[in-house]
Protein backbone atom coordinates (compact mmCIF):
# COMPACT_ATOMS: atom_id res chain seq x y z
CA MET A 1 38.84 -14.90 7.46
CA PHE A 2 40.94 -11.70 6.36
CA GLY A 3 43.41 -12.01 9.50
CA PHE A 4 40.52 -11.66 11.73
CA ASP A 5 40.72 -13.72 15.41
CA ARG A 6 38.21 -15.61 16.44
CA GLU A 7 36.68 -13.58 18.86
CA GLN A 8 36.34 -10.80 16.31
CA GLN A 9 34.90 -13.29 13.52
CA GLY A 10 32.33 -14.19 16.18
CA ILE A 11 31.13 -10.45 17.13
CA LEU A 12 30.85 -10.07 13.29
CA HIS A 13 28.67 -12.94 12.76
CA LEU A 14 26.71 -12.39 15.46
CA THR A 15 25.99 -8.69 14.42
CA TRP A 16 25.67 -9.34 10.52
CA ILE A 17 22.79 -11.51 11.22
CA ALA A 18 21.19 -8.99 13.52
CA PHE A 19 21.29 -6.86 10.78
CA PHE A 20 20.42 -9.24 8.14
CA LEU A 21 16.91 -9.86 10.31
CA THR A 22 16.44 -6.23 10.40
CA PHE A 23 16.64 -5.57 6.90
CA LEU A 24 14.55 -8.82 6.14
CA ALA A 25 11.66 -7.16 8.47
CA TRP A 26 12.25 -3.91 6.82
CA PHE A 27 11.77 -5.16 3.09
CA ASN A 28 8.72 -7.63 4.17
CA MET A 29 6.31 -5.45 1.99
CA ALA A 30 8.10 -4.70 -0.83
CA PRO A 31 7.40 -8.57 -2.86
CA PHE A 32 3.78 -8.18 -1.81
CA ASN A 33 2.99 -4.80 -3.20
CA THR A 34 0.29 -6.28 -5.99
CA THR A 35 -0.75 -8.76 -3.42
CA LEU A 36 -1.95 -6.05 -1.31
CA GLU A 37 -3.34 -4.19 -3.96
CA HIS A 38 -5.27 -7.03 -5.45
CA HIS A 39 -6.45 -8.64 -2.30
CA VAL A 40 -6.46 -6.27 0.52
CA GLY A 41 -7.86 -3.58 -1.72
CA LEU A 42 -5.18 -0.92 -1.89
CA SER A 43 -4.59 1.50 -4.16
CA ALA A 44 -1.16 2.09 -6.42
CA ASP A 45 -0.97 5.55 -5.09
CA GLN A 46 -1.64 3.82 -1.40
CA ILE A 47 1.19 1.68 -2.39
CA ARG A 48 3.72 4.25 -3.27
CA ILE A 49 2.90 6.30 -0.54
CA LEU A 50 3.50 3.13 1.55
CA MET A 51 6.92 2.73 0.08
CA VAL A 52 7.60 6.61 1.13
CA CYS A 53 6.55 5.62 4.47
CA ASN A 54 8.98 2.48 4.68
CA VAL A 55 11.88 5.03 4.51
CA ALA A 56 11.02 8.56 6.21
CA LEU A 57 11.35 7.91 9.80
CA THR A 58 14.84 6.13 9.22
CA ILE A 59 16.09 9.51 8.84
CA PRO A 60 15.80 11.03 12.19
CA ALA A 61 15.81 7.23 13.58
CA ARG A 62 19.42 7.12 12.16
CA ILE A 63 20.66 10.14 13.73
CA VAL A 64 19.14 9.28 17.01
CA ILE A 65 20.13 5.72 17.50
CA GLY A 66 23.60 7.00 16.01
CA ALA A 67 24.03 9.06 19.26
CA LEU A 68 22.31 6.40 21.46
CA VAL A 69 24.81 3.67 20.67
CA ASP A 70 27.80 6.64 21.14
CA GLN A 71 26.18 6.69 24.69
CA HIS A 72 24.90 3.03 25.48
CA GLY A 73 26.90 0.95 23.46
CA PRO A 74 25.55 -1.21 20.41
CA LYS A 75 24.87 -4.55 21.90
CA ILE A 76 21.90 -3.37 24.10
CA VAL A 77 20.77 -1.10 21.39
CA PHE A 78 20.61 -3.91 18.84
CA VAL A 79 18.89 -6.03 21.15
CA TYR A 80 16.11 -3.65 21.82
CA LEU A 81 15.90 -2.78 18.05
CA LEU A 82 15.45 -6.60 17.01
CA LEU A 83 12.65 -6.49 19.66
CA PHE A 84 10.90 -3.60 18.08
CA ALA A 85 11.23 -5.21 14.46
CA GLY A 86 9.64 -8.18 15.42
CA ALA A 87 6.67 -6.40 17.40
CA VAL A 88 6.25 -3.88 14.09
CA SER A 89 6.15 -7.29 11.66
CA LEU A 90 3.56 -8.96 14.22
CA TYR A 91 1.05 -5.89 13.78
CA PHE A 92 1.96 -5.42 9.92
CA ALA A 93 0.51 -8.84 9.61
CA GLN A 94 -2.78 -8.18 10.85
CA CYS A 95 -3.35 -4.98 9.36
CA SER A 96 -6.46 -4.73 6.94
CA ARG A 97 -7.29 -1.04 6.52
CA PHE A 98 -4.81 1.87 4.82
CA SER A 99 -4.23 3.28 8.26
CA GLU A 100 -3.00 0.29 9.96
CA PHE A 101 -0.63 -0.20 7.16
CA LEU A 102 0.40 3.33 7.31
CA VAL A 103 1.29 3.14 10.99
CA ALA A 104 3.03 -0.02 10.77
CA ARG A 105 5.15 1.26 7.86
CA LEU A 106 6.27 4.28 9.45
CA LEU A 107 7.53 2.33 12.59
CA MET A 108 9.01 -0.15 10.44
CA GLY A 109 11.14 2.65 9.03
CA ILE A 110 12.76 2.95 12.44
CA VAL A 111 13.93 -0.48 12.16
CA GLY A 112 16.30 0.58 8.82
CA ALA A 113 18.36 2.52 11.67
CA GLY A 114 19.71 -0.90 12.85
CA PHE A 115 22.52 -0.54 9.89
CA VAL A 116 24.27 2.27 12.40
CA VAL A 117 24.24 0.19 15.58
CA GLY A 118 26.58 -2.35 13.80
CA ILE A 119 28.82 -0.01 12.28
CA LYS A 120 29.60 1.02 15.79
CA MET A 121 30.05 -2.45 17.00
CA ILE A 122 32.36 -3.32 14.06
CA ALA A 123 34.23 0.24 14.44
CA GLU A 124 35.31 -0.75 17.91
CA TRP A 125 36.16 -4.20 17.47
CA PHE A 126 38.35 -4.07 14.59
CA PRO A 127 41.57 -2.11 13.96
CA PRO A 128 41.71 0.46 10.86
CA GLU A 129 43.93 -1.62 8.49
CA LYS A 130 41.18 -4.20 8.90
CA MET A 131 38.32 -1.74 9.21
CA GLY A 132 36.66 -1.68 4.94
CA ALA A 133 36.87 -5.81 5.19
CA ALA A 134 35.12 -5.79 8.32
CA GLN A 135 32.49 -3.24 7.66
CA GLY A 136 31.77 -4.63 3.97
CA ILE A 137 31.29 -8.00 5.37
CA TYR A 138 28.92 -6.54 8.03
CA ALA A 139 27.09 -4.26 5.59
CA GLY A 140 26.91 -6.74 2.66
CA TRP A 141 25.78 -9.78 4.60
CA GLY A 142 23.47 -7.98 6.21
CA ASN A 143 22.21 -5.68 3.66
CA PHE A 144 21.40 -9.25 1.73
CA GLY A 145 18.08 -9.47 4.00
CA ALA A 146 16.46 -7.34 1.82
CA ALA A 147 16.98 -9.42 -1.18
CA ALA A 148 16.11 -12.33 0.85
CA ALA A 149 12.95 -10.86 1.45
CA ALA A 150 12.41 -10.58 -2.11
CA PHE A 151 13.18 -14.54 -3.22
CA SER A 152 12.01 -16.16 0.10
CA LEU A 153 8.90 -14.54 1.55
CA PRO A 154 6.73 -15.13 -1.81
CA PRO A 155 7.84 -18.68 -2.23
CA LEU A 156 7.05 -19.21 1.92
CA ALA A 157 3.26 -17.36 1.32
CA MET A 158 2.23 -19.63 -1.72
CA PHE A 159 1.63 -22.26 0.94
CA PHE A 160 -1.11 -20.56 1.98
CA SER A 161 -4.29 -18.12 0.57
CA PRO A 162 -3.37 -15.06 -1.24
CA ASP A 163 -4.74 -12.78 1.52
CA MET A 164 -3.17 -15.10 4.46
CA GLY A 165 0.25 -15.81 3.03
CA TRP A 166 1.80 -12.68 2.91
CA ARG A 167 0.69 -12.14 6.66
CA ILE A 168 2.19 -15.45 7.06
CA ALA A 169 5.59 -14.10 5.47
CA ALA A 170 5.63 -10.81 7.57
CA GLY A 171 4.81 -12.35 10.90
CA PHE A 172 7.65 -15.30 9.92
CA SER A 173 9.91 -12.60 9.72
CA GLY A 174 8.91 -10.86 12.93
CA ALA A 175 9.65 -14.02 14.97
CA LEU A 176 13.43 -14.46 13.37
CA CYS A 177 13.93 -11.02 14.83
CA LEU A 178 12.66 -11.65 18.41
CA ILE A 179 14.85 -14.70 18.20
CA TRP A 180 17.81 -13.54 17.38
CA ALA A 181 17.26 -10.52 20.07
CA ALA A 182 17.81 -13.31 22.36
CA VAL A 183 21.15 -14.67 20.98
CA TYR A 184 22.36 -11.29 20.61
CA HIS A 185 21.93 -10.40 23.97
CA ARG A 186 23.16 -13.78 25.50
CA HIS A 187 26.36 -13.50 23.19
CA ALA A 188 27.29 -10.45 21.89
CA LYS A 189 29.66 -8.37 24.18
CA GLU A 190 30.79 -4.86 24.07
CA VAL A 191 34.58 -4.34 23.86
CA PRO A 192 35.95 -4.68 27.22
CA GLU A 193 37.72 -0.76 27.54
CA ARG A 194 34.57 0.69 26.01
CA ALA A 195 34.02 2.60 28.87
CA THR A 196 37.29 4.52 28.71
CA GLN A 197 37.95 4.52 24.99
CA PHE A 198 34.60 5.74 23.60
CA PRO A 199 33.97 8.75 25.94
CA VAL A 200 30.04 9.21 26.48
CA THR A 201 28.12 12.57 26.12
CA LEU A 202 24.41 13.41 26.23
CA GLU A 203 24.32 15.80 23.17
CA LYS A 204 23.29 14.54 19.74
CA THR A 205 24.84 16.62 17.67
CA ILE A 206 28.37 16.19 16.24
CA GLU A 207 31.39 18.16 17.34
CA VAL A 208 33.02 19.97 14.76
CA THR A 209 36.33 21.69 15.65
CA SER A 210 36.49 25.05 12.72
CA TYR A 211 33.92 27.80 12.09
CA ARG A 212 33.51 26.52 8.44
CA ASP A 213 32.65 23.00 9.86
CA LEU A 214 29.90 24.61 11.62
CA VAL A 215 28.60 25.91 8.70
CA LEU A 216 28.85 22.81 6.92
CA GLN A 217 26.75 20.82 9.77
CA ILE A 218 23.89 23.66 9.59
CA PHE A 219 23.95 22.74 5.98
CA LEU A 220 23.62 19.12 5.99
CA PHE A 221 20.63 19.29 8.52
CA LEU A 222 18.65 21.14 5.49
CA PRO A 223 18.09 17.74 2.95
CA LEU A 224 17.29 15.59 6.19
CA TYR A 225 14.62 17.99 7.28
CA GLY A 226 13.66 18.85 3.79
CA ALA A 227 13.24 14.86 3.15
CA LEU A 228 10.97 15.08 5.91
CA GLY A 229 9.04 18.37 4.86
CA VAL A 230 8.51 16.01 1.57
CA PHE A 231 7.01 12.99 3.12
CA VAL A 232 4.60 15.28 5.15
CA TRP A 233 3.65 17.24 1.88
CA LYS A 234 3.24 13.88 0.09
CA LEU A 235 0.78 12.59 2.82
CA SER A 236 -1.44 15.42 1.58
CA ASP A 237 -1.52 14.22 -2.11
CA PRO A 238 -4.94 14.60 -3.60
CA ALA A 239 -4.76 11.07 -4.95
CA THR A 240 -4.87 9.73 -1.21
CA PRO A 241 -5.59 12.64 0.65
CA LEU A 242 -4.58 11.77 4.28
CA LEU A 243 -3.82 14.98 5.78
CA SER A 244 -5.82 18.64 4.92
CA SER A 245 -4.40 21.53 4.14
CA TRP A 246 -4.49 22.96 7.52
CA GLU A 247 -2.91 19.44 9.19
CA MET A 248 -0.54 19.50 6.28
CA THR A 249 0.62 23.13 7.17
CA GLY A 250 0.87 22.26 10.93
CA LEU A 251 2.97 19.54 10.20
CA LEU A 252 5.20 21.31 7.91
CA THR A 253 5.65 24.03 10.33
CA ALA A 254 6.21 21.68 13.31
CA VAL A 255 9.35 19.82 11.13
CA GLY A 256 10.68 23.33 10.62
CA VAL A 257 10.78 23.88 14.29
CA PHE A 258 12.84 20.73 14.41
CA CYS A 259 15.15 21.80 12.08
CA LEU A 260 15.62 25.09 13.69
CA PHE A 261 16.00 23.97 17.12
CA GLU A 262 18.46 21.46 15.63
CA ILE A 263 20.28 24.38 14.41
CA TYR A 264 20.40 26.11 17.66
CA ARG A 265 21.66 22.83 19.50
CA CYS A 266 24.39 22.31 17.17
CA VAL A 267 25.36 26.34 17.35
CA GLN A 268 24.72 26.21 21.24
CA VAL A 269 27.04 23.11 21.74
CA ASN A 270 29.75 23.65 19.19
CA LEU A 271 30.12 27.69 19.72
CA PRO A 272 31.76 27.66 23.01
CA ARG A 273 33.89 25.02 22.05
CA LEU A 274 35.23 26.69 19.30
CA ARG A 275 35.53 30.37 20.87
CA THR A 276 37.86 28.29 23.71
CA GLY A 277 39.74 26.66 21.13
CA VAL A 278 39.96 22.80 20.20
CA PRO A 279 42.92 21.02 20.93
CA GLU A 280 44.93 20.23 18.00
CA GLU A 281 44.77 16.35 18.21
CA ARG A 282 40.60 16.42 17.94
CA HIS A 283 40.62 18.37 14.96
CA TYR A 284 39.25 16.62 11.76
CA PRO A 285 38.08 17.75 8.34
CA PHE A 286 34.13 17.83 8.48
CA GLN A 287 33.87 18.13 4.82
CA GLN A 288 34.82 14.29 4.77
CA ILE A 289 31.56 13.27 6.55
CA VAL A 290 29.70 15.92 4.02
CA VAL A 291 30.99 14.14 1.21
CA LEU A 292 30.11 10.55 2.09
CA SER A 293 26.66 11.46 3.20
CA PHE A 294 26.15 12.51 -0.50
CA VAL A 295 27.46 9.44 -1.73
CA TYR A 296 25.36 7.35 0.35
CA ALA A 297 22.33 9.18 -0.24
CA LEU A 298 23.43 7.75 -4.03
CA THR A 299 24.63 4.11 -3.60
CA PHE A 300 22.07 3.17 -0.68
CA GLY A 301 19.49 5.78 -1.13
CA SER A 302 19.06 4.52 -4.83
CA GLU A 303 19.93 0.98 -3.71
CA LEU A 304 16.56 1.28 -0.96
CA ALA A 305 14.71 3.15 -4.07
CA VAL A 306 15.03 0.50 -6.72
CA ILE A 307 14.44 -2.35 -4.17
CA SER A 308 11.14 -1.00 -3.32
CA MET A 309 9.59 -0.69 -6.70
CA PHE A 310 11.98 -3.09 -8.90
CA PRO A 311 9.90 -6.20 -8.50
CA GLU A 312 6.33 -4.56 -9.29
CA TYR A 313 8.80 -2.95 -12.46
CA LEU A 314 9.46 -6.03 -13.84
CA GLU A 315 5.64 -7.30 -13.24
CA THR A 316 4.31 -4.59 -15.27
CA THR A 317 7.23 -4.41 -18.08
CA PHE A 318 7.85 -7.57 -18.61
CA ALA A 319 4.34 -9.45 -17.73
CA LEU A 320 5.80 -11.66 -14.85
CA SER A 321 4.09 -13.31 -11.98
CA ALA A 322 4.45 -12.03 -8.64
CA THR A 323 6.73 -14.73 -7.67
CA ALA A 324 8.53 -14.60 -10.40
CA ALA A 325 9.33 -11.14 -10.30
CA GLY A 326 9.80 -11.32 -6.78
CA ILE A 327 12.77 -13.66 -7.25
CA LEU A 328 14.01 -11.87 -10.29
CA GLY A 329 13.93 -8.47 -8.49
CA SER A 330 15.72 -9.80 -5.59
CA ALA A 331 18.73 -9.61 -8.19
CA PHE A 332 19.26 -5.77 -7.35
CA ALA A 333 20.07 -6.79 -4.01
CA PHE A 334 21.26 -10.43 -3.98
CA PHE A 335 25.00 -9.65 -4.83
CA ASN A 336 25.26 -7.73 -1.75
CA LEU A 337 26.94 -10.64 -0.16
CA VAL A 338 30.48 -10.11 -1.75
CA THR A 339 29.73 -6.59 -3.62
CA ARG A 340 29.71 -4.67 -0.78
CA PRO A 341 32.92 -6.70 1.42
CA SER A 342 34.48 -6.18 -1.99
CA GLY A 343 34.36 -2.34 -2.25
CA GLY A 344 35.31 -2.14 1.72
CA TRP A 345 38.26 -4.53 0.83
CA LEU A 346 39.44 -2.73 -2.29
CA ALA A 347 39.08 0.96 -0.45
CA ASP A 348 41.76 -0.74 1.78
CA LYS A 349 43.97 -2.08 -0.58
CA ILE A 350 43.84 -0.14 -3.69
CA GLY A 351 42.56 3.52 -2.63
CA ARG A 352 39.54 5.10 -0.81
CA ARG A 353 38.76 8.00 -3.17
CA ARG A 354 39.94 6.29 -6.32
CA VAL A 355 37.47 3.09 -6.20
CA LEU A 356 34.95 5.47 -4.96
CA PHE A 357 35.29 7.64 -8.15
CA VAL A 358 35.21 4.51 -10.41
CA LEU A 359 31.92 3.10 -8.56
CA VAL A 360 30.33 6.45 -8.65
CA LEU A 361 31.05 6.76 -12.57
CA GLY A 362 29.90 3.05 -12.95
CA CYS A 363 26.75 4.04 -11.27
CA LEU A 364 26.10 7.22 -13.25
CA ILE A 365 26.47 5.24 -16.56
CA CYS A 366 24.40 2.20 -15.67
CA TYR A 367 21.70 4.21 -13.86
CA TRP A 368 21.18 6.15 -17.67
CA PHE A 369 21.14 2.99 -19.42
CA MET A 370 18.30 1.26 -17.04
CA GLY A 371 16.63 4.54 -17.88
CA THR A 372 16.61 3.31 -21.60
CA ILE A 373 14.78 0.01 -20.81
CA THR A 374 11.21 -0.89 -22.36
CA PRO A 375 9.22 -4.40 -22.76
CA GLU A 376 11.09 -4.88 -26.13
CA TRP A 377 14.35 -5.38 -24.16
CA SER A 378 15.01 -9.32 -23.41
CA LEU A 379 14.26 -10.11 -19.79
CA THR A 380 17.85 -11.35 -19.41
CA ALA A 381 19.60 -7.89 -20.75
CA ALA A 382 17.66 -5.84 -18.10
CA ILE A 383 18.42 -8.29 -15.14
CA THR A 384 22.11 -8.14 -16.33
CA LEU A 385 22.16 -4.33 -16.46
CA ALA A 386 20.22 -4.15 -13.00
CA VAL A 387 22.91 -6.76 -11.44
CA VAL A 388 25.75 -4.85 -12.64
CA CYS A 389 24.22 -1.46 -11.44
CA SER A 390 23.40 -2.85 -7.75
CA MET A 391 27.00 -4.49 -7.88
CA LEU A 392 28.48 -1.09 -8.26
CA ALA A 393 26.09 0.80 -6.08
CA GLN A 394 26.68 -1.77 -3.09
CA ALA A 395 30.72 -1.82 -3.80
CA GLY A 396 29.97 2.14 -3.34
CA ASN A 397 28.12 1.47 -0.04
CA GLY A 398 31.34 -0.64 1.29
CA ALA A 399 33.61 2.03 0.07
CA CYS A 400 31.73 4.95 1.78
CA PHE A 401 31.51 2.84 4.95
CA ALA A 402 35.13 2.09 4.90
CA MET A 403 36.01 5.42 5.23
CA VAL A 404 33.31 6.95 7.95
CA PRO A 405 34.72 5.13 11.27
CA LEU A 406 38.23 6.73 10.16
CA ILE A 407 37.09 10.56 10.53
CA ARG A 408 37.32 10.39 14.11
CA LYS A 409 36.71 6.84 16.32
CA ASP A 410 34.69 8.71 19.17
CA LEU A 411 32.34 10.29 16.63
CA THR A 412 31.34 7.05 14.67
CA GLY A 413 28.03 6.55 15.82
CA LYS A 414 26.73 10.16 15.20
CA MET A 415 28.81 10.05 11.83
CA ALA A 416 27.53 6.67 10.92
CA GLY A 417 23.84 7.82 11.84
CA MET A 418 24.44 11.10 9.67
CA ALA A 419 25.72 9.35 6.77
CA GLY A 420 23.53 6.91 6.83
CA ALA A 421 20.29 9.24 6.99
CA TYR A 422 21.51 10.40 4.09
CA GLY A 423 20.75 7.07 2.39
CA ASN A 424 17.12 7.33 3.28
CA VAL A 425 17.34 10.97 2.59
CA GLY A 426 18.03 9.71 -0.75
CA ALA A 427 15.65 7.25 -0.94
CA VAL A 428 12.60 9.20 0.08
CA TYR A 429 13.55 12.07 -2.65
CA PHE A 430 13.80 9.02 -5.22
CA LEU A 431 10.63 7.21 -4.43
CA THR A 432 8.74 10.55 -4.26
CA LEU A 433 10.45 11.46 -7.79
CA LEU A 434 8.85 8.32 -8.96
CA SER A 435 5.10 9.43 -8.14
CA PHE A 436 5.67 12.22 -10.67
CA VAL A 437 8.21 10.57 -13.50
CA SER A 438 8.03 7.26 -15.68
CA ALA A 439 10.44 4.57 -14.34
CA ALA A 440 12.74 5.47 -17.40
CA GLU A 441 13.08 9.15 -15.83
CA PHE A 442 13.75 8.00 -12.62
CA PHE A 443 16.58 5.90 -13.51
CA LYS A 444 17.71 9.13 -15.37
CA TRP A 445 17.29 11.38 -12.56
CA ILE A 446 19.46 9.01 -10.48
CA SER A 447 21.85 9.24 -12.92
CA ALA A 448 21.90 13.18 -13.16
CA TYR A 449 22.47 12.88 -9.35
CA ALA A 450 25.48 10.65 -9.62
CA LEU A 451 27.16 13.28 -11.66
CA PHE A 452 26.76 15.73 -8.62
CA VAL A 453 28.35 13.44 -6.37
CA LEU A 454 31.14 12.54 -8.79
CA MET A 455 31.96 16.23 -8.77
CA SER A 456 31.44 16.45 -5.04
CA LEU A 457 34.49 13.97 -4.65
CA MET A 458 36.74 16.42 -5.65
CA PHE A 459 36.80 18.26 -2.14
CA LEU A 460 37.13 14.26 -0.18
CA LYS A 461 40.52 14.64 1.17
CA SER A 462 43.12 11.58 1.06
CA PHE A 463 42.67 9.09 4.54
CA ASN A 464 46.06 8.30 4.19
CA ASN A 465 47.15 11.86 5.63
CA LEU A 466 44.66 12.52 8.24
CA HIS A 467 45.76 11.53 11.74
CA HIS A 468 43.10 12.80 13.94
CA SER A 469 40.84 9.68 14.69
CA PHE A 470 40.73 10.60 18.14
CA ARG A 471 41.40 8.16 21.01
CA LYS A 472 41.41 8.84 24.67
């Protein structure tokens, strides 16, 4: 398979299944949005808040877990994350009050950080010339867990009463995570030379190698914490006022303080290095991760947002049943099995920047036309357009993460955490936008952001000219 040896294949399969199961758990609510409205008594506004909750804490979680993976290795981190996913799924399955659902979906957002763990594991086991294909297979087959949740959990729930069915399905996804935690602990392993090849530090900030890059990293923090601020503000929405104005002000202040502390730590860690001089072999262009973060906010952020709303959108637009809408709604993530690996493979073979430009342009066009869908459209035409759009976005995910591990290998976990967090930043902003605009406008706003990303690709350097993937 793609020239991988037997040991590499074993690690790849163990890891993509772990990722698949974290995504199955992460998206075990999306197929049951209308069920929760009709049989649990949640309002449409509460469901939309839970959608945002589901992705909010993934933002800081991906950054923190990215650093933990660099420190402790991907195996042990993935085992604990699978155990956590199983426990939260079982908690979600017994929720009955909105406050309980809120806690469950906030905690489940942390599970979305599982993506970063596998990126590091694959980066350690595969050489650069096979990186795109390996990362694409890992992420594409793993991301398929979102589609699996949409098309497999509703049919499982049908065997039980409406009030119990979704609970059984959610609990089942959690049980699978617990089982695989044991399997992964037993059979996965770190690369033998990890202790010397990947130096460990306790710093959560990314090392930069120029004053310009220090400014860029500070700039990159602002949308991250801005997304958390948007989430806090959303919880004080008059339609579902979970926070008083004083509580909202206090939490927003706390987010601002954390942002300032993060900036302070970034300066504190990097400034002494820059003053004493950074060895030439450690230099790399930080703008690479900035541009790729913007790309991932589009490709994965929009995918997360659309997966969260697409079954409900089809149900209301075309008057479908919840089961039919869930199965058809899975079309937006279904082809991850082949499209994300294909994006990584094409990036390896044809050219990384060239492929990314074409895929982002395709997303721009497809999202614009998705904004023109009406109930008068044939369902086949709407699903076909959604499938094409999703394939372009997913291939863009693969092409993006064919590049991230090549920037500087010893910082892969932190950089994957940053770019991965931006995927959730995009999801938070897009889903918050959906609270204020129609679905048609929602798709067109994503198209407008794709235009911004397309222009930012002009600042992405060729990876063929980079020679600073530091190795000790």
